[in-house]
Amino acid sequence: MKKGTPEDPKGLIAEAYRIDGITDAECRSIFLDWALSLPGDAEARPLIEVLLARHREEGHPMTAVLREGMARGGAPRRRGGASGRRN
């Protein structure tokens, strides 16, 4: 099993760039999986910056998703316990 990098430990983002015909929705799903797999103390924004610098493919849906992640202030955070069950 191939290991990723500190910015992409599971290699999810890199793999998204290798999938021919990947859709925006699939990229958003991969991004969410990536974000939820980050350690709790990790800052998503600097990691996204590194990933954007590494994968400079204009017009690729994952590039757009990463840029959207930067514009929205980073990645979503998982909320567990009672705070995660409140509506």
N, C-alpha and C. Protein backbone atom coordinates (compact mmCIF):
# COMPACT_ATOMS: atom_id res chain seq x y z
N MET A 1 0.84 -1.19 0.00
CA MET A 1 0.00 0.00 0.00
C MET A 1 0.88 1.24 0.00
N LYS A 2 0.63 2.13 -0.94
CA LYS A 2 1.42 3.33 -1.07
C LYS A 2 1.01 4.35 -0.03
N LYS A 3 2.00 4.94 0.61
CA LYS A 3 1.71 5.99 1.59
C LYS A 3 1.70 7.33 0.89
N GLY A 4 0.95 8.25 1.46
CA GLY A 4 0.85 9.59 0.90
C GLY A 4 1.91 10.52 1.45
N THR A 5 1.58 11.77 1.51
CA THR A 5 2.47 12.82 2.00
C THR A 5 1.85 13.40 3.27
N PRO A 6 2.58 14.24 3.99
CA PRO A 6 1.99 14.86 5.18
C PRO A 6 0.71 15.66 4.87
N GLU A 7 0.63 16.24 3.68
CA GLU A 7 -0.55 17.02 3.31
C GLU A 7 -1.70 16.13 2.84
N ASP A 8 -1.36 14.95 2.37
CA ASP A 8 -2.34 14.03 1.78
C ASP A 8 -1.99 12.61 2.23
N PRO A 9 -2.15 12.34 3.53
CA PRO A 9 -1.67 11.08 4.11
C PRO A 9 -2.21 9.82 3.44
N LYS A 10 -3.46 9.85 3.01
CA LYS A 10 -4.04 8.67 2.36
C LYS A 10 -3.85 8.70 0.84
N GLY A 11 -3.32 9.79 0.31
CA GLY A 11 -3.14 9.93 -1.13
C GLY A 11 -4.44 10.18 -1.87
N LEU A 12 -5.47 10.64 -1.16
CA LEU A 12 -6.79 10.84 -1.76
C LEU A 12 -6.79 11.92 -2.83
N ILE A 13 -6.15 13.04 -2.54
CA ILE A 13 -6.15 14.16 -3.48
C ILE A 13 -5.33 13.79 -4.72
N ALA A 14 -4.17 13.20 -4.51
CA ALA A 14 -3.33 12.79 -5.64
C ALA A 14 -4.07 11.79 -6.53
N GLU A 15 -4.77 10.87 -5.92
CA GLU A 15 -5.52 9.87 -6.69
C GLU A 15 -6.63 10.52 -7.50
N ALA A 16 -7.28 11.54 -6.95
CA ALA A 16 -8.35 12.24 -7.67
C ALA A 16 -7.82 12.83 -8.98
N TYR A 17 -6.59 13.31 -8.96
CA TYR A 17 -6.01 13.89 -10.17
C TYR A 17 -5.68 12.82 -11.21
N ARG A 18 -5.60 11.58 -10.81
CA ARG A 18 -5.29 10.49 -11.76
C ARG A 18 -6.54 9.85 -12.35
N ILE A 19 -7.71 10.17 -11.85
CA ILE A 19 -8.94 9.54 -12.32
C ILE A 19 -9.47 10.30 -13.54
N ASP A 20 -9.48 9.63 -14.67
CA ASP A 20 -10.01 10.24 -15.90
C ASP A 20 -11.52 10.43 -15.77
N GLY A 21 -12.00 11.59 -16.15
CA GLY A 21 -13.43 11.85 -16.18
C GLY A 21 -14.07 12.06 -14.82
N ILE A 22 -13.27 12.34 -13.80
CA ILE A 22 -13.83 12.55 -12.46
C ILE A 22 -14.74 13.78 -12.47
N THR A 23 -15.82 13.71 -11.71
CA THR A 23 -16.80 14.79 -11.68
C THR A 23 -16.56 15.72 -10.49
N ASP A 24 -17.22 16.88 -10.54
CA ASP A 24 -17.16 17.82 -9.42
C ASP A 24 -17.66 17.17 -8.13
N ALA A 25 -18.78 16.47 -8.23
CA ALA A 25 -19.37 15.82 -7.05
C ALA A 25 -18.41 14.79 -6.45
N GLU A 26 -17.76 14.03 -7.29
CA GLU A 26 -16.80 13.03 -6.80
C GLU A 26 -15.62 13.72 -6.13
N CYS A 27 -15.16 14.83 -6.69
CA CYS A 27 -14.06 15.57 -6.08
C CYS A 27 -14.46 16.15 -4.73
N ARG A 28 -15.69 16.66 -4.63
CA ARG A 28 -16.16 17.18 -3.33
C ARG A 28 -16.22 16.06 -2.29
N SER A 29 -16.66 14.89 -2.70
CA SER A 29 -16.72 13.75 -1.79
C SER A 29 -15.32 13.35 -1.32
N ILE A 30 -14.38 13.32 -2.23
CA ILE A 30 -12.99 12.99 -1.90
C ILE A 30 -12.42 14.05 -0.97
N PHE A 31 -12.70 15.32 -1.26
CA PHE A 31 -12.21 16.40 -0.40
C PHE A 31 -12.76 16.27 1.01
N LEU A 32 -14.04 15.96 1.13
CA LEU A 32 -14.64 15.79 2.45
C LEU A 32 -13.98 14.64 3.20
N ASP A 33 -13.74 13.54 2.52
CA ASP A 33 -13.05 12.40 3.15
C ASP A 33 -11.65 12.82 3.61
N TRP A 34 -10.95 13.56 2.75
CA TRP A 34 -9.61 14.07 3.10
C TRP A 34 -9.69 14.94 4.34
N ALA A 35 -10.64 15.88 4.35
CA ALA A 35 -10.77 16.83 5.45
C ALA A 35 -11.09 16.13 6.77
N LEU A 36 -11.98 15.17 6.71
CA LEU A 36 -12.37 14.46 7.94
C LEU A 36 -11.28 13.53 8.45
N SER A 37 -10.32 13.20 7.61
CA SER A 37 -9.24 12.32 8.04
C SER A 37 -8.05 13.09 8.61
N LEU A 38 -8.11 14.43 8.57
CA LEU A 38 -7.02 15.22 9.13
C LEU A 38 -7.02 15.09 10.65
N PRO A 39 -5.84 15.13 11.25
CA PRO A 39 -5.79 15.13 12.72
C PRO A 39 -6.54 16.35 13.26
N GLY A 40 -7.09 16.24 14.44
CA GLY A 40 -7.90 17.30 15.03
C GLY A 40 -7.20 18.63 15.16
N ASP A 41 -5.88 18.63 15.32
CA ASP A 41 -5.14 19.88 15.48
C ASP A 41 -4.58 20.42 14.17
N ALA A 42 -4.86 19.77 13.06
CA ALA A 42 -4.31 20.19 11.77
C ALA A 42 -5.05 21.40 11.23
N GLU A 43 -4.31 22.32 10.66
CA GLU A 43 -4.86 23.48 9.98
C GLU A 43 -5.02 23.12 8.51
N ALA A 44 -6.23 23.10 8.01
CA ALA A 44 -6.49 22.67 6.64
C ALA A 44 -5.96 23.66 5.60
N ARG A 45 -6.09 24.94 5.86
CA ARG A 45 -5.73 25.95 4.86
C ARG A 45 -4.29 25.83 4.36
N PRO A 46 -3.28 25.74 5.24
CA PRO A 46 -1.91 25.60 4.73
C PRO A 46 -1.70 24.29 3.95
N LEU A 47 -2.41 23.25 4.34
CA LEU A 47 -2.29 21.98 3.63
C LEU A 47 -2.89 22.10 2.23
N ILE A 48 -4.02 22.80 2.12
CA ILE A 48 -4.64 23.02 0.82
C ILE A 48 -3.71 23.84 -0.07
N GLU A 49 -3.05 24.84 0.50
CA GLU A 49 -2.10 25.65 -0.27
C GLU A 49 -1.00 24.78 -0.87
N VAL A 50 -0.47 23.86 -0.09
CA VAL A 50 0.58 22.96 -0.58
C VAL A 50 0.03 22.07 -1.69
N LEU A 51 -1.18 21.55 -1.49
CA LEU A 51 -1.78 20.68 -2.51
C LEU A 51 -2.03 21.44 -3.81
N LEU A 52 -2.49 22.68 -3.71
CA LEU A 52 -2.70 23.48 -4.92
C LEU A 52 -1.39 23.77 -5.64
N ALA A 53 -0.34 24.02 -4.88
CA ALA A 53 0.97 24.27 -5.49
C ALA A 53 1.49 23.01 -6.19
N ARG A 54 1.23 21.87 -5.62
CA ARG A 54 1.71 20.59 -6.17
C ARG A 54 0.91 20.19 -7.41
N HIS A 55 -0.38 20.35 -7.37
CA HIS A 55 -1.26 19.90 -8.46
C HIS A 55 -1.77 21.13 -9.21
N ARG A 56 -1.03 21.59 -10.14
CA ARG A 56 -1.35 22.83 -10.87
C ARG A 56 -2.11 22.56 -12.15
N GLU A 57 -3.13 21.77 -12.08
CA GLU A 57 -3.90 21.41 -13.27
C GLU A 57 -5.13 22.30 -13.38
N GLU A 58 -5.00 23.35 -14.18
CA GLU A 58 -6.12 24.25 -14.40
C GLU A 58 -7.23 23.49 -15.12
N GLY A 59 -8.46 23.77 -14.74
CA GLY A 59 -9.60 23.13 -15.37
C GLY A 59 -9.96 21.78 -14.77
N HIS A 60 -9.14 21.25 -13.86
CA HIS A 60 -9.47 19.98 -13.22
C HIS A 60 -10.46 20.24 -12.09
N PRO A 61 -11.47 19.40 -11.96
CA PRO A 61 -12.48 19.63 -10.91
C PRO A 61 -11.90 19.66 -9.50
N MET A 62 -10.86 18.88 -9.23
CA MET A 62 -10.28 18.89 -7.87
C MET A 62 -9.60 20.21 -7.59
N THR A 63 -9.00 20.84 -8.59
CA THR A 63 -8.40 22.16 -8.40
C THR A 63 -9.48 23.15 -7.98
N ALA A 64 -10.62 23.10 -8.63
CA ALA A 64 -11.72 24.00 -8.27
C ALA A 64 -12.21 23.73 -6.85
N VAL A 65 -12.30 22.48 -6.47
CA VAL A 65 -12.75 22.12 -5.12
C VAL A 65 -11.74 22.60 -4.07
N LEU A 66 -10.46 22.43 -4.35
CA LEU A 66 -9.43 22.90 -3.41
C LEU A 66 -9.49 24.42 -3.27
N ARG A 67 -9.67 25.11 -4.38
CA ARG A 67 -9.79 26.58 -4.32
C ARG A 67 -11.03 26.99 -3.53
N GLU A 68 -12.10 26.27 -3.71
CA GLU A 68 -13.32 26.55 -2.94
C GLU A 68 -13.06 26.32 -1.45
N GLY A 69 -12.31 25.29 -1.13
CA GLY A 69 -11.95 25.02 0.27
C GLY A 69 -11.15 26.17 0.86
N MET A 70 -10.27 26.77 0.05
CA MET A 70 -9.49 27.92 0.52
C MET A 70 -10.40 29.12 0.74
N ALA A 71 -11.33 29.34 -0.18
CA ALA A 71 -12.22 30.50 -0.09
C ALA A 71 -13.15 30.40 1.11
N ARG A 72 -13.50 29.19 1.48
CA ARG A 72 -14.43 29.00 2.60
C ARG A 72 -13.71 28.87 3.92
N GLY A 73 -12.41 29.09 3.94
CA GLY A 73 -11.68 29.08 5.19
C GLY A 73 -11.21 27.71 5.61
N GLY A 74 -11.11 26.77 4.70
CA GLY A 74 -10.57 25.48 5.05
C GLY A 74 -11.59 24.38 5.00
N ALA A 75 -11.26 23.31 5.65
CA ALA A 75 -12.05 22.10 5.57
C ALA A 75 -13.06 22.00 6.70
N PRO A 76 -14.12 21.25 6.47
CA PRO A 76 -15.11 21.05 7.53
C PRO A 76 -14.54 20.24 8.68
N ARG A 77 -15.08 20.42 9.82
CA ARG A 77 -14.64 19.67 11.01
C ARG A 77 -15.74 18.72 11.45
N ARG A 78 -15.33 17.56 11.87
CA ARG A 78 -16.27 16.58 12.41
C ARG A 78 -16.62 16.99 13.83
N ARG A 79 -17.89 16.87 14.15
CA ARG A 79 -18.34 17.15 15.51
C ARG A 79 -18.90 15.87 16.09
N GLY A 80 -18.34 15.43 17.16
CA GLY A 80 -18.80 14.20 17.78
C GLY A 80 -19.53 14.45 19.08
N GLY A 81 -19.96 13.39 19.69
CA GLY A 81 -20.62 13.49 20.97
C GLY A 81 -21.95 14.21 20.88
N ALA A 82 -22.37 14.78 21.99
CA ALA A 82 -23.67 15.44 22.06
C ALA A 82 -23.77 16.62 21.11
N SER A 83 -22.66 17.38 20.93
CA SER A 83 -22.71 18.54 20.03
C SER A 83 -22.93 18.12 18.58
N GLY A 84 -22.52 16.93 18.21
CA GLY A 84 -22.73 16.44 16.85
C GLY A 84 -24.16 15.95 16.61
N ARG A 85 -24.90 15.68 17.68
CA ARG A 85 -26.27 15.19 17.55
C ARG A 85 -27.31 16.29 17.66
N ARG A 86 -26.91 17.47 18.06
CA ARG A 86 -27.87 18.59 18.19
C ARG A 86 -28.30 19.05 16.82
N ASN A 87 -29.55 19.42 16.70
CA ASN A 87 -30.05 19.96 15.42
C ASN A 87 -30.27 21.43 15.50
